[in-house]
Structures are given as C-alpha cells and as structure tokens.
Amino acid sequence: MAGSNGKQKTVRDMILSLALIGLAAGFIYLLVPHNDHAPDLKRVDYQVELSTARRAASYPVAAPEGLTAAWKATSVRYQGEDSDRWHLGFQAPGGQYVQVEQSTQKRADFIDQASQGASATKRTEKIGDHTWTRYTGGRYDALVLEGTPGSTTVVAGTASFGRLTEMAEALRTR
C-alpha cells in the first residue's frame, strides 16, 4: 500500500499544476486587450492628387461632388506611368467600401481588375446623362460607365448597388 500513496500524490500534483496553469492563462487572457471592431479609418484629403490627375491624365478625371460627410475618403492615388490610372476609395455610410477607378488600360483587363473579377450582367442603369452596366461578383459589385472611348470608369466595392449608384450620381469631371 505504500506505492499507492505516491501515485495519489503524483496525480494530485498534476491536477494542481494544471489548475495553476489554467489560472495563469486566464489571467493573461484578461490582461490582453480584445477589440473586435474594425479600426477607424483615417479620412484623406484628395484635392491635391485630383488636381494633379486632372492636369496629367489623357481623359476627364472623375471625382464626387456633394456627398454627405458620412462618406469618408480613405485612399487616393494617380499613376500616370500605369495607364493613367486614377483611384479614389471611400468608406460609405454603413461602413462598406466604394471605389472610383479610371484608366486608359485595355477595357476588359481594367474592368476585371477594378471589379475584382465581377461579371457583366444584362442590366444597365441610366444615371444622370450616362448609361452604366452592372457587374456582379463574389467580392465586389460594380457599375461600368459606357460610351467613353479612350478610358474606362468603374465604380465598385462591397457596398450595395444603391451606394454604388449614389457615388456614380455624384461623379463630376472638370
């Protein structure tokens, strides 16, 4: 019976060790901050890049006018060496993403890139004086402006077609 007391001590010590490790892990878990919401995106001013793009691009560069303050510009770039590519990204009201993309790149390739592989539908929309074709995809949906030889304009993102349409309605060229 002497051996059985040693086994009981070993099992008890192992259980106590596991309990101590569990308490330490729980304590560390409580110390680590847990923030599950998306980070607040910084608003960017795109006016300087817009002026530069409008001077340099071979097509009329589009940017929104009259959107509410709930639309937050989050990214902007103009790449003249890359097919006169204009990009303007927004966080739409409700947190979804909307981007305006323009380029002189080959139309089919550019639409595929800007819409992240979305496919054309047979549905078109008249927005202002322009006709836009709807594209749907797994990641982004898009509106593609028709009748602009020499360049392609795409409004795409994770937002609803209602938000994409709002952006398309607000686009102005100068």
N, C-alpha and C. Protein backbone atom coordinates (compact mmCIF):
# COMPACT_ATOMS: atom_id res chain seq x y z
N MET A 1 0.81 -1.19 0.00
CA MET A 1 0.00 0.00 0.00
C MET A 1 0.85 1.26 0.00
N ALA A 2 2.11 1.13 0.23
CA ALA A 2 2.97 2.30 0.26
C ALA A 2 3.07 2.94 -1.11
N GLY A 3 3.03 2.15 -2.18
CA GLY A 3 3.15 2.68 -3.53
C GLY A 3 1.93 3.47 -3.96
N SER A 4 0.78 3.13 -3.47
CA SER A 4 -0.45 3.79 -3.90
C SER A 4 -0.49 5.23 -3.40
N ASN A 5 0.06 5.54 -2.24
CA ASN A 5 0.10 6.90 -1.71
C ASN A 5 0.94 7.80 -2.61
N GLY A 6 2.03 7.29 -3.15
CA GLY A 6 2.90 8.05 -4.06
C GLY A 6 2.19 8.36 -5.36
N LYS A 7 1.39 7.42 -5.88
CA LYS A 7 0.65 7.66 -7.12
C LYS A 7 -0.42 8.71 -6.89
N GLN A 8 -1.09 8.69 -5.72
CA GLN A 8 -2.11 9.68 -5.42
C GLN A 8 -1.50 11.07 -5.35
N LYS A 9 -0.29 11.17 -4.76
CA LYS A 9 0.40 12.44 -4.66
C LYS A 9 0.74 12.97 -6.05
N THR A 10 1.20 12.09 -6.94
CA THR A 10 1.58 12.48 -8.29
C THR A 10 0.37 12.97 -9.07
N VAL A 11 -0.76 12.27 -8.97
CA VAL A 11 -1.98 12.68 -9.66
C VAL A 11 -2.47 14.01 -9.10
N ARG A 12 -2.44 14.14 -7.77
CA ARG A 12 -2.88 15.38 -7.14
C ARG A 12 -1.99 16.54 -7.56
N ASP A 13 -0.68 16.32 -7.58
CA ASP A 13 0.26 17.38 -8.00
C ASP A 13 0.01 17.78 -9.46
N MET A 14 -0.27 16.79 -10.31
CA MET A 14 -0.52 17.08 -11.71
C MET A 14 -1.80 17.91 -11.86
N ILE A 15 -2.84 17.57 -11.13
CA ILE A 15 -4.10 18.32 -11.19
C ILE A 15 -3.90 19.74 -10.67
N LEU A 16 -3.15 19.88 -9.59
CA LEU A 16 -2.86 21.22 -9.06
C LEU A 16 -2.05 22.05 -10.06
N SER A 17 -1.09 21.41 -10.72
CA SER A 17 -0.28 22.11 -11.73
C SER A 17 -1.15 22.57 -12.90
N LEU A 18 -2.04 21.70 -13.36
CA LEU A 18 -2.93 22.08 -14.45
C LEU A 18 -3.86 23.23 -14.04
N ALA A 19 -4.36 23.19 -12.81
CA ALA A 19 -5.21 24.26 -12.31
C ALA A 19 -4.44 25.57 -12.25
N LEU A 20 -3.20 25.51 -11.80
CA LEU A 20 -2.36 26.71 -11.71
C LEU A 20 -2.08 27.27 -13.11
N ILE A 21 -1.79 26.40 -14.06
CA ILE A 21 -1.55 26.83 -15.45
C ILE A 21 -2.83 27.45 -16.02
N GLY A 22 -3.98 26.85 -15.76
CA GLY A 22 -5.26 27.39 -16.23
C GLY A 22 -5.53 28.77 -15.66
N LEU A 23 -5.25 28.96 -14.37
CA LEU A 23 -5.44 30.27 -13.75
C LEU A 23 -4.51 31.31 -14.36
N ALA A 24 -3.26 30.95 -14.60
CA ALA A 24 -2.29 31.87 -15.21
C ALA A 24 -2.74 32.23 -16.62
N ALA A 25 -3.19 31.25 -17.39
CA ALA A 25 -3.65 31.52 -18.76
C ALA A 25 -4.88 32.44 -18.74
N GLY A 26 -5.81 32.20 -17.82
CA GLY A 26 -6.98 33.06 -17.69
C GLY A 26 -6.61 34.48 -17.32
N PHE A 27 -5.65 34.64 -16.43
CA PHE A 27 -5.19 35.96 -16.01
C PHE A 27 -4.56 36.70 -17.20
N ILE A 28 -3.73 36.01 -17.95
CA ILE A 28 -3.09 36.63 -19.13
C ILE A 28 -4.16 37.01 -20.16
N TYR A 29 -5.14 36.15 -20.37
CA TYR A 29 -6.22 36.45 -21.31
C TYR A 29 -6.94 37.74 -20.91
N LEU A 30 -7.17 37.93 -19.62
CA LEU A 30 -7.85 39.14 -19.16
C LEU A 30 -7.00 40.39 -19.35
N LEU A 31 -5.68 40.24 -19.32
CA LEU A 31 -4.79 41.39 -19.49
C LEU A 31 -4.65 41.84 -20.94
N VAL A 32 -4.80 40.91 -21.87
CA VAL A 32 -4.64 41.24 -23.28
C VAL A 32 -5.90 41.97 -23.77
N PRO A 33 -5.74 43.15 -24.40
CA PRO A 33 -6.93 43.86 -24.87
C PRO A 33 -7.61 43.13 -26.02
N HIS A 34 -8.92 43.11 -26.02
CA HIS A 34 -9.70 42.47 -27.06
C HIS A 34 -10.58 43.52 -27.70
N ASN A 35 -10.28 43.83 -28.96
CA ASN A 35 -11.02 44.84 -29.69
C ASN A 35 -11.46 44.22 -31.00
N ASP A 36 -12.72 43.81 -31.07
CA ASP A 36 -13.19 43.07 -32.23
C ASP A 36 -13.74 43.95 -33.34
N HIS A 37 -13.90 45.26 -33.12
CA HIS A 37 -14.45 46.08 -34.19
C HIS A 37 -13.33 46.56 -35.12
N ALA A 38 -13.72 46.88 -36.35
CA ALA A 38 -12.74 47.31 -37.35
C ALA A 38 -12.13 48.64 -36.93
N PRO A 39 -10.88 48.86 -37.27
CA PRO A 39 -10.24 50.12 -36.90
C PRO A 39 -10.89 51.29 -37.62
N ASP A 40 -10.88 52.43 -36.97
CA ASP A 40 -11.42 53.64 -37.57
C ASP A 40 -10.46 54.10 -38.66
N LEU A 41 -10.94 54.20 -39.88
CA LEU A 41 -10.09 54.59 -41.00
C LEU A 41 -9.90 56.10 -41.02
N LYS A 42 -8.70 56.52 -41.33
CA LYS A 42 -8.38 57.94 -41.37
C LYS A 42 -8.93 58.56 -42.66
N ARG A 43 -9.55 59.70 -42.55
CA ARG A 43 -10.06 60.44 -43.71
C ARG A 43 -8.88 61.09 -44.42
N VAL A 44 -8.82 60.98 -45.74
CA VAL A 44 -7.75 61.60 -46.51
C VAL A 44 -8.32 62.75 -47.34
N ASP A 45 -7.50 63.76 -47.58
CA ASP A 45 -7.86 64.85 -48.47
C ASP A 45 -7.28 64.52 -49.84
N TYR A 46 -8.13 64.46 -50.83
CA TYR A 46 -7.68 64.02 -52.15
C TYR A 46 -7.59 65.15 -53.17
N GLN A 47 -7.75 66.39 -52.73
CA GLN A 47 -7.81 67.51 -53.67
C GLN A 47 -6.50 67.73 -54.44
N VAL A 48 -5.35 67.59 -53.80
CA VAL A 48 -4.07 67.80 -54.48
C VAL A 48 -3.87 66.73 -55.55
N GLU A 49 -4.11 65.47 -55.19
CA GLU A 49 -3.96 64.39 -56.16
C GLU A 49 -4.96 64.52 -57.30
N LEU A 50 -6.18 64.98 -56.98
CA LEU A 50 -7.20 65.19 -58.01
C LEU A 50 -6.75 66.26 -59.00
N SER A 51 -6.22 67.36 -58.51
CA SER A 51 -5.73 68.42 -59.40
C SER A 51 -4.60 67.91 -60.28
N THR A 52 -3.69 67.17 -59.69
CA THR A 52 -2.58 66.59 -60.45
C THR A 52 -3.09 65.65 -61.53
N ALA A 53 -4.00 64.76 -61.17
CA ALA A 53 -4.54 63.80 -62.13
C ALA A 53 -5.28 64.52 -63.25
N ARG A 54 -6.05 65.54 -62.93
CA ARG A 54 -6.80 66.26 -63.96
C ARG A 54 -5.89 66.99 -64.94
N ARG A 55 -4.74 67.44 -64.46
CA ARG A 55 -3.77 68.08 -65.36
C ARG A 55 -3.04 67.06 -66.22
N ALA A 56 -2.74 65.89 -65.66
CA ALA A 56 -1.87 64.92 -66.33
C ALA A 56 -2.60 63.87 -67.16
N ALA A 57 -3.78 63.49 -66.79
CA ALA A 57 -4.47 62.39 -67.45
C ALA A 57 -4.95 62.78 -68.85
N SER A 58 -5.05 61.78 -69.70
CA SER A 58 -5.50 62.00 -71.08
C SER A 58 -7.02 61.90 -71.22
N TYR A 59 -7.73 61.80 -70.12
CA TYR A 59 -9.18 61.69 -70.11
C TYR A 59 -9.72 62.57 -68.99
N PRO A 60 -11.02 62.88 -68.99
CA PRO A 60 -11.61 63.67 -67.90
C PRO A 60 -11.67 62.86 -66.61
N VAL A 61 -10.92 63.27 -65.61
CA VAL A 61 -10.86 62.54 -64.33
C VAL A 61 -12.10 62.86 -63.50
N ALA A 62 -12.73 61.82 -62.98
CA ALA A 62 -13.97 61.96 -62.21
C ALA A 62 -13.71 61.90 -60.72
N ALA A 63 -14.44 62.74 -60.00
CA ALA A 63 -14.43 62.72 -58.53
C ALA A 63 -15.82 63.16 -58.07
N PRO A 64 -16.23 62.70 -56.90
CA PRO A 64 -17.57 63.05 -56.43
C PRO A 64 -17.67 64.47 -55.91
N GLU A 65 -18.84 65.04 -56.09
CA GLU A 65 -19.17 66.34 -55.51
C GLU A 65 -20.52 66.21 -54.83
N GLY A 66 -20.63 66.81 -53.65
CA GLY A 66 -21.91 66.87 -52.97
C GLY A 66 -22.27 65.67 -52.12
N LEU A 67 -21.34 64.77 -51.87
CA LEU A 67 -21.64 63.66 -50.97
C LEU A 67 -21.72 64.17 -49.54
N THR A 68 -22.50 63.51 -48.71
CA THR A 68 -22.59 63.91 -47.30
C THR A 68 -21.28 63.61 -46.58
N ALA A 69 -21.11 64.18 -45.41
CA ALA A 69 -19.90 63.97 -44.61
C ALA A 69 -19.77 62.53 -44.13
N ALA A 70 -20.84 61.75 -44.23
CA ALA A 70 -20.78 60.35 -43.83
C ALA A 70 -19.93 59.52 -44.79
N TRP A 71 -19.70 60.03 -45.98
CA TRP A 71 -18.79 59.38 -46.93
C TRP A 71 -17.38 59.83 -46.58
N LYS A 72 -16.52 58.87 -46.31
CA LYS A 72 -15.16 59.19 -45.87
C LYS A 72 -14.14 58.71 -46.91
N ALA A 73 -13.42 59.67 -47.53
CA ALA A 73 -12.35 59.30 -48.46
C ALA A 73 -11.23 58.64 -47.66
N THR A 74 -10.80 57.45 -48.09
CA THR A 74 -9.79 56.71 -47.32
C THR A 74 -8.52 56.42 -48.12
N SER A 75 -8.59 56.52 -49.45
CA SER A 75 -7.38 56.26 -50.25
C SER A 75 -7.48 57.00 -51.57
N VAL A 76 -6.31 57.45 -52.04
CA VAL A 76 -6.25 58.16 -53.32
C VAL A 76 -4.88 57.92 -53.95
N ARG A 77 -4.87 57.76 -55.28
CA ARG A 77 -3.59 57.68 -55.99
C ARG A 77 -3.83 57.89 -57.47
N TYR A 78 -2.84 58.49 -58.10
CA TYR A 78 -2.82 58.63 -59.54
C TYR A 78 -1.49 58.08 -60.02
N GLN A 79 -1.55 57.17 -60.97
CA GLN A 79 -0.35 56.55 -61.51
C GLN A 79 -0.30 56.82 -63.00
N GLY A 80 0.39 57.89 -63.36
CA GLY A 80 0.49 58.27 -64.76
C GLY A 80 1.25 57.26 -65.59
N GLU A 81 2.24 56.63 -64.99
CA GLU A 81 3.05 55.64 -65.71
C GLU A 81 2.31 54.32 -65.88
N ASP A 82 1.22 54.13 -65.18
CA ASP A 82 0.46 52.88 -65.23
C ASP A 82 -0.90 53.14 -65.89
N SER A 83 -0.88 53.42 -67.18
CA SER A 83 -2.12 53.63 -67.96
C SER A 83 -2.98 54.75 -67.41
N ASP A 84 -2.35 55.82 -66.96
CA ASP A 84 -3.10 56.96 -66.42
C ASP A 84 -4.16 56.49 -65.42
N ARG A 85 -3.77 55.70 -64.46
CA ARG A 85 -4.73 55.07 -63.55
C ARG A 85 -5.05 55.98 -62.36
N TRP A 86 -6.34 56.25 -62.19
CA TRP A 86 -6.87 57.07 -61.09
C TRP A 86 -7.66 56.16 -60.15
N HIS A 87 -7.40 56.30 -58.85
CA HIS A 87 -8.11 55.53 -57.82
C HIS A 87 -8.52 56.47 -56.71
N LEU A 88 -9.78 56.35 -56.28
CA LEU A 88 -10.28 57.11 -55.14
C LEU A 88 -11.19 56.18 -54.35
N GLY A 89 -10.80 55.86 -53.10
CA GLY A 89 -11.55 54.93 -52.28
C GLY A 89 -12.29 55.63 -51.15
N PHE A 90 -13.48 55.13 -50.84
CA PHE A 90 -14.32 55.71 -49.79
C PHE A 90 -14.89 54.64 -48.88
N GLN A 91 -15.08 55.03 -47.63
CA GLN A 91 -15.90 54.24 -46.72
C GLN A 91 -17.28 54.89 -46.79
N ALA A 92 -18.24 54.12 -47.27
CA ALA A 92 -19.60 54.63 -47.45
C ALA A 92 -20.33 54.63 -46.10
N PRO A 93 -21.42 55.38 -46.00
CA PRO A 93 -22.23 55.29 -44.78
C PRO A 93 -22.62 53.83 -44.54
N GLY A 94 -22.44 53.36 -43.33
CA GLY A 94 -22.70 51.96 -43.01
C GLY A 94 -21.44 51.12 -43.00
N GLY A 95 -20.30 51.71 -43.42
CA GLY A 95 -19.02 51.03 -43.30
C GLY A 95 -18.55 50.24 -44.51
N GLN A 96 -19.33 50.15 -45.57
CA GLN A 96 -18.90 49.40 -46.74
C GLN A 96 -17.94 50.23 -47.59
N TYR A 97 -17.27 49.58 -48.52
CA TYR A 97 -16.23 50.22 -49.34
C TYR A 97 -16.75 50.51 -50.75
N VAL A 98 -16.41 51.70 -51.26
CA VAL A 98 -16.73 52.09 -52.63
C VAL A 98 -15.49 52.75 -53.22
N GLN A 99 -15.16 52.38 -54.45
CA GLN A 99 -14.01 52.99 -55.10
C GLN A 99 -14.39 53.48 -56.50
N VAL A 100 -13.72 54.55 -56.90
CA VAL A 100 -13.82 55.06 -58.26
C VAL A 100 -12.49 54.74 -58.92
N GLU A 101 -12.53 54.04 -60.05
CA GLU A 101 -11.32 53.65 -60.77
C GLU A 101 -11.46 54.12 -62.21
N GLN A 102 -10.39 54.72 -62.74
CA GLN A 102 -10.36 55.11 -64.14
C GLN A 102 -9.00 54.79 -64.72
N SER A 103 -8.98 54.46 -66.02
CA SER A 103 -7.71 54.13 -66.65
C SER A 103 -7.86 54.11 -68.17
N THR A 104 -6.73 54.21 -68.84
CA THR A 104 -6.67 54.02 -70.29
C THR A 104 -6.24 52.61 -70.64
N GLN A 105 -6.07 51.77 -69.64
CA GLN A 105 -5.69 50.36 -69.83
C GLN A 105 -6.75 49.67 -70.69
N LYS A 106 -6.38 48.55 -71.30
CA LYS A 106 -7.33 47.76 -72.09
C LYS A 106 -8.59 47.53 -71.26
N ARG A 107 -9.74 47.86 -71.84
CA ARG A 107 -11.01 47.90 -71.12
C ARG A 107 -11.31 46.60 -70.35
N ALA A 108 -11.30 45.46 -71.01
CA ALA A 108 -11.67 44.19 -70.36
C ALA A 108 -10.75 43.88 -69.19
N ASP A 109 -9.44 44.08 -69.38
CA ASP A 109 -8.48 43.81 -68.30
C ASP A 109 -8.70 44.75 -67.12
N PHE A 110 -8.93 46.02 -67.43
CA PHE A 110 -9.12 47.01 -66.37
C PHE A 110 -10.39 46.73 -65.57
N ILE A 111 -11.48 46.43 -66.26
CA ILE A 111 -12.74 46.12 -65.55
C ILE A 111 -12.56 44.91 -64.65
N ASP A 112 -11.87 43.90 -65.15
CA ASP A 112 -11.63 42.69 -64.35
C ASP A 112 -10.84 43.03 -63.08
N GLN A 113 -9.81 43.85 -63.21
CA GLN A 113 -9.00 44.24 -62.05
C GLN A 113 -9.80 45.12 -61.08
N ALA A 114 -10.43 46.16 -61.62
CA ALA A 114 -11.13 47.13 -60.77
C ALA A 114 -12.33 46.51 -60.05
N SER A 115 -12.98 45.55 -60.70
CA SER A 115 -14.17 44.93 -60.09
C SER A 115 -13.83 43.62 -59.38
N GLN A 116 -12.56 43.28 -59.34
CA GLN A 116 -12.07 42.05 -58.72
C GLN A 116 -12.78 40.82 -59.27
N GLY A 117 -12.87 40.80 -60.60
CA GLY A 117 -13.39 39.61 -61.27
C GLY A 117 -14.89 39.54 -61.41
N ALA A 118 -15.60 40.64 -61.18
CA ALA A 118 -17.05 40.62 -61.34
C ALA A 118 -17.41 40.43 -62.81
N SER A 119 -18.60 39.89 -63.06
CA SER A 119 -19.06 39.60 -64.42
C SER A 119 -20.19 40.54 -64.80
N ALA A 120 -20.20 40.90 -66.09
CA ALA A 120 -21.24 41.79 -66.61
C ALA A 120 -22.60 41.11 -66.52
N THR A 121 -23.61 41.90 -66.22
CA THR A 121 -24.99 41.43 -66.28
C THR A 121 -25.62 42.08 -67.50
N LYS A 122 -26.82 41.73 -67.80
CA LYS A 122 -27.53 42.34 -68.92
C LYS A 122 -28.24 43.62 -68.48
N ARG A 123 -28.09 43.99 -67.24
CA ARG A 123 -28.81 45.14 -66.69
C ARG A 123 -27.98 46.41 -66.80
N THR A 124 -28.60 47.45 -67.34
CA THR A 124 -27.96 48.76 -67.39
C THR A 124 -28.82 49.75 -66.61
N GLU A 125 -28.18 50.84 -66.20
CA GLU A 125 -28.89 51.89 -65.47
C GLU A 125 -28.57 53.23 -66.10
N LYS A 126 -29.56 54.07 -66.17
CA LYS A 126 -29.36 55.44 -66.61
C LYS A 126 -29.14 56.27 -65.35
N ILE A 127 -27.95 56.80 -65.21
CA ILE A 127 -27.61 57.62 -64.05
C ILE A 127 -27.18 58.97 -64.61
N GLY A 128 -27.98 59.98 -64.35
CA GLY A 128 -27.72 61.28 -64.96
C GLY A 128 -27.91 61.14 -66.47
N ASP A 129 -26.93 61.61 -67.22
CA ASP A 129 -26.98 61.51 -68.68
C ASP A 129 -26.21 60.31 -69.21
N HIS A 130 -25.79 59.43 -68.33
CA HIS A 130 -24.91 58.34 -68.72
C HIS A 130 -25.55 56.98 -68.48
N THR A 131 -25.09 56.00 -69.26
CA THR A 131 -25.52 54.62 -69.09
C THR A 131 -24.40 53.83 -68.42
N TRP A 132 -24.77 53.08 -67.40
CA TRP A 132 -23.82 52.26 -66.64
C TRP A 132 -24.29 50.82 -66.71
N THR A 133 -23.36 49.90 -66.85
CA THR A 133 -23.65 48.46 -66.85
C THR A 133 -23.32 47.90 -65.48
N ARG A 134 -24.23 47.07 -64.98
CA ARG A 134 -23.99 46.40 -63.69
C ARG A 134 -23.11 45.17 -63.87
N TYR A 135 -22.19 45.00 -62.93
CA TYR A 135 -21.35 43.81 -62.85
C TYR A 135 -21.55 43.24 -61.46
N THR A 136 -21.63 41.93 -61.35
CA THR A 136 -21.76 41.29 -60.04
C THR A 136 -20.61 40.31 -59.86
N GLY A 137 -20.18 40.17 -58.62
CA GLY A 137 -19.07 39.27 -58.34
C GLY A 137 -19.12 38.76 -56.93
N GLY A 138 -18.16 37.92 -56.61
CA GLY A 138 -18.09 37.34 -55.28
C GLY A 138 -17.67 38.35 -54.23
N ARG A 139 -16.70 39.19 -54.59
CA ARG A 139 -16.19 40.15 -53.62
C ARG A 139 -16.76 41.55 -53.85
N TYR A 140 -16.69 42.03 -55.07
CA TYR A 140 -17.19 43.37 -55.40
C TYR A 140 -18.33 43.28 -56.40
N ASP A 141 -19.22 44.25 -56.31
CA ASP A 141 -20.17 44.55 -57.38
C ASP A 141 -19.67 45.83 -58.00
N ALA A 142 -20.12 46.12 -59.23
CA ALA A 142 -19.59 47.29 -59.91
C ALA A 142 -20.59 47.89 -60.88
N LEU A 143 -20.37 49.17 -61.18
CA LEU A 143 -21.04 49.87 -62.26
C LEU A 143 -19.94 50.33 -63.20
N VAL A 144 -20.11 50.08 -64.50
CA VAL A 144 -19.11 50.46 -65.50
C VAL A 144 -19.76 51.44 -66.47
N LEU A 145 -19.13 52.59 -66.61
CA LEU A 145 -19.65 53.64 -67.49
C LEU A 145 -19.46 53.25 -68.95
N GLU A 146 -20.51 53.40 -69.73
CA GLU A 146 -20.48 53.08 -71.16
C GLU A 146 -20.25 54.36 -71.96
N GLY A 147 -19.70 54.18 -73.17
CA GLY A 147 -19.58 55.30 -74.11
C GLY A 147 -18.47 56.28 -73.79
N THR A 148 -17.35 55.81 -73.27
CA THR A 148 -16.21 56.68 -73.01
C THR A 148 -14.98 56.14 -73.73
N PRO A 149 -14.87 56.41 -75.02
CA PRO A 149 -13.72 55.89 -75.75
C PRO A 149 -12.41 56.48 -75.23
N GLY A 150 -11.40 55.64 -75.13
CA GLY A 150 -10.10 56.08 -74.66
C GLY A 150 -9.85 55.88 -73.19
N SER A 151 -10.91 55.66 -72.42
CA SER A 151 -10.74 55.40 -70.99
C SER A 151 -11.94 54.60 -70.48
N THR A 152 -11.78 54.05 -69.29
CA THR A 152 -12.84 53.27 -68.66
C THR A 152 -13.02 53.77 -67.24
N THR A 153 -14.28 53.93 -66.83
CA THR A 153 -14.62 54.36 -65.48
C THR A 153 -15.42 53.25 -64.80
N VAL A 154 -14.97 52.87 -63.60
CA VAL A 154 -15.62 51.81 -62.83
C VAL A 154 -15.87 52.33 -61.42
N VAL A 155 -17.09 52.14 -60.93
CA VAL A 155 -17.42 52.38 -59.52
C VAL A 155 -17.71 51.00 -58.95
N ALA A 156 -16.89 50.58 -57.99
CA ALA A 156 -17.00 49.20 -57.48
C ALA A 156 -16.82 49.18 -55.97
N GLY A 157 -17.16 48.06 -55.37
CA GLY A 157 -16.92 47.90 -53.95
C GLY A 157 -17.82 46.86 -53.31
N THR A 158 -17.73 46.82 -51.99
CA THR A 158 -18.53 45.87 -51.20
C THR A 158 -19.90 46.43 -50.87
N ALA A 159 -20.11 47.70 -51.17
CA ALA A 159 -21.38 48.36 -50.86
C ALA A 159 -22.48 47.88 -51.80
N SER A 160 -23.70 48.20 -51.44
CA SER A 160 -24.87 47.83 -52.25
C SER A 160 -24.88 48.62 -53.55
N PHE A 161 -25.68 48.15 -54.50
CA PHE A 161 -25.81 48.90 -55.75
C PHE A 161 -26.40 50.28 -55.49
N GLY A 162 -27.20 50.41 -54.45
CA GLY A 162 -27.72 51.73 -54.09
C GLY A 162 -26.60 52.70 -53.76
N ARG A 163 -25.62 52.26 -52.98
CA ARG A 163 -24.47 53.11 -52.63
C ARG A 163 -23.58 53.35 -53.86
N LEU A 164 -23.39 52.32 -54.68
CA LEU A 164 -22.59 52.50 -55.90
C LEU A 164 -23.25 53.53 -56.81
N THR A 165 -24.57 53.49 -56.89
CA THR A 165 -25.32 54.45 -57.69
C THR A 165 -25.18 55.86 -57.13
N GLU A 166 -25.23 55.99 -55.80
CA GLU A 166 -25.02 57.31 -55.17
C GLU A 166 -23.68 57.90 -55.60
N MET A 167 -22.65 57.07 -55.58
CA MET A 167 -21.33 57.54 -55.98
C MET A 167 -21.33 57.93 -57.45
N ALA A 168 -21.88 57.08 -58.29
CA ALA A 168 -21.90 57.38 -59.73
C ALA A 168 -22.66 58.68 -60.01
N GLU A 169 -23.75 58.91 -59.29
CA GLU A 169 -24.53 60.16 -59.45
C GLU A 169 -23.72 61.39 -59.06
N ALA A 170 -22.83 61.24 -58.08
CA ALA A 170 -22.06 62.37 -57.57
C ALA A 170 -20.82 62.67 -58.40
N LEU A 171 -20.43 61.79 -59.32
CA LEU A 171 -19.18 61.99 -60.07
C LEU A 171 -19.29 63.16 -61.04
N ARG A 172 -18.26 63.98 -61.02
CA ARG A 172 -18.15 65.14 -61.91
C ARG A 172 -16.74 65.17 -62.49
N THR A 173 -16.64 65.63 -63.74
CA THR A 173 -15.34 65.85 -64.36
C THR A 173 -15.21 67.33 -64.65
N ARG A 174 -14.00 67.80 -64.68
CA ARG A 174 -13.74 69.23 -64.99
C ARG A 174 -12.61 69.34 -65.95
